[in-house]
Protein backbone atom coordinates (compact mmCIF):
# COMPACT_ATOMS: atom_id res chain seq x y z
CA MET A 1 42.40 137.14 138.02
CA CYS A 2 40.01 136.83 135.90
CA SER A 3 40.08 139.77 134.00
CA ASP A 4 43.73 137.88 133.51
CA HIS A 5 42.65 135.28 132.32
CA ALA A 6 40.32 136.41 130.17
CA ASP A 7 42.92 139.14 128.09
CA GLN A 8 45.06 135.79 127.70
CA LEU A 9 41.80 133.96 126.11
CA ASP A 10 40.79 136.63 124.52
CA ILE A 11 38.03 137.12 126.16
CA GLN A 12 35.40 139.60 127.32
CA PHE A 13 33.07 139.82 130.55
CA ASN A 14 30.04 142.38 129.89
CA THR A 15 29.50 143.02 133.94
CA LYS A 16 26.22 144.95 132.58
CA LYS A 17 25.07 141.23 132.16
CA SER A 18 26.61 140.13 134.86
CA CYS A 19 25.14 139.59 138.40
CA LEU A 20 25.34 137.95 141.76
CA LEU A 21 23.06 135.91 144.02
CA HIS A 22 23.53 134.40 146.95
CA ILE A 23 22.55 130.79 147.53
CA GLY A 24 23.61 129.14 151.18
CA ASN A 25 22.75 129.13 154.52
CA SER A 26 23.47 132.61 155.39
CA PHE A 27 21.92 134.26 152.41
CA ASN A 28 20.56 136.94 153.96
CA LYS A 29 24.24 138.42 154.96
CA LYS A 30 25.25 141.60 153.55
CA ILE A 31 28.78 141.41 151.02
CA GLU A 32 30.25 143.47 149.09
CA ASN A 33 29.62 143.94 145.38
CA LEU A 34 32.34 142.37 143.10
CA GLN A 35 34.69 143.88 140.88
CA LEU A 36 35.26 142.48 137.26
CA ASN A 37 37.80 145.43 135.30
CA GLY A 38 37.53 147.91 137.34
CA HIS A 39 33.18 147.28 136.95
CA ASP A 40 30.76 146.47 140.20
CA ILE A 41 28.91 143.74 139.72
CA TYR A 42 26.16 143.19 141.94
CA TRP A 43 24.36 141.03 144.04
CA PHE A 44 20.35 140.48 143.35
CA GLU A 45 17.50 138.06 145.00
CA LYS A 46 15.64 137.37 141.49
CA ILE A 47 17.60 136.57 138.30
CA LYS A 48 16.35 135.30 135.19
CA TYR A 49 18.81 132.84 133.36
CA LEU A 50 16.68 131.03 130.62
CA GLY A 51 13.79 132.25 130.76
CA VAL A 52 13.41 130.92 134.19
CA HIS A 53 13.79 132.92 137.57
CA ILE A 54 15.79 131.59 140.20
CA VAL A 55 15.48 133.23 143.89
CA SER A 56 17.91 133.57 146.73
CA GLY A 57 17.52 131.66 149.37
CA LYS A 58 18.84 128.87 151.88
CA SER A 59 18.07 126.09 148.75
CA PHE A 60 18.46 126.76 145.45
CA THR A 61 14.91 127.93 144.25
CA VAL A 62 13.43 128.51 141.20
CA ASP A 63 10.12 130.99 140.96
CA VAL A 64 7.03 129.75 138.05
CA SER A 65 4.27 132.01 138.92
CA THR A 66 5.50 134.03 136.04
CA ARG A 67 4.95 131.23 133.76
CA ILE A 68 2.21 130.18 135.50
CA ARG A 69 0.68 133.29 135.09
CA LYS A 70 1.82 134.08 131.10
CA PHE A 71 0.39 129.97 130.77
CA TYR A 72 -3.35 130.82 131.73
CA ALA A 73 -3.69 134.14 130.22
CA SER A 74 -2.72 132.31 126.66
CA ALA A 75 -4.72 129.45 127.39
CA ASN A 76 -7.65 132.23 128.41
CA ALA A 77 -7.00 134.27 125.12
CA ILE A 78 -7.63 131.43 122.64
CA LEU A 79 -10.33 129.52 124.91
CA HIS A 80 -12.06 132.71 124.50
CA ASN A 81 -12.68 132.52 121.23
CA THR A 82 -13.00 129.09 119.66
CA VAL A 83 -15.49 126.93 123.09
CA PRO A 84 -17.74 127.96 125.03
CA VAL A 85 -17.29 128.51 128.85
CA TYR A 86 -18.65 125.95 130.29
CA ILE A 87 -17.24 123.44 128.03
CA ILE A 88 -14.24 124.39 129.26
CA ALA A 89 -15.72 124.35 132.82
CA ALA A 90 -16.95 120.79 132.44
CA GLY A 91 -14.08 119.85 130.66
CA LEU A 92 -11.54 120.73 133.73
CA ASN A 93 -13.64 119.43 136.74
CA CYS A 94 -13.63 116.16 134.56
CA PHE A 95 -9.81 117.02 134.32
CA LYS A 96 -9.69 117.10 137.57
CA CYS A 97 -11.04 113.42 138.76
CA THR A 98 -9.33 111.50 136.97
CA LEU A 99 -6.04 113.13 138.04
CA ILE A 100 -7.06 112.06 141.50
């Protein structure tokens, strides 16, 4: 059905870049793969969309742990060569105090 409409609109789907993600109460039930133009589209538990990891589950969930880890790695690489560590630690402690 989708491929018929796509042919009419002169659109081509890339099944290698397409994936399925199940979100809802029955997210853990086994569902067969869908087919588009005779090629399977597979189910995944986590997908990356526009740099954000979306996780399959009961509700819409975004996994930000990778982004946080990359931020800390970048900040550590920059600050390691520029500022003494004791100044950074003191600054972070003051920052935490003012946030509360």
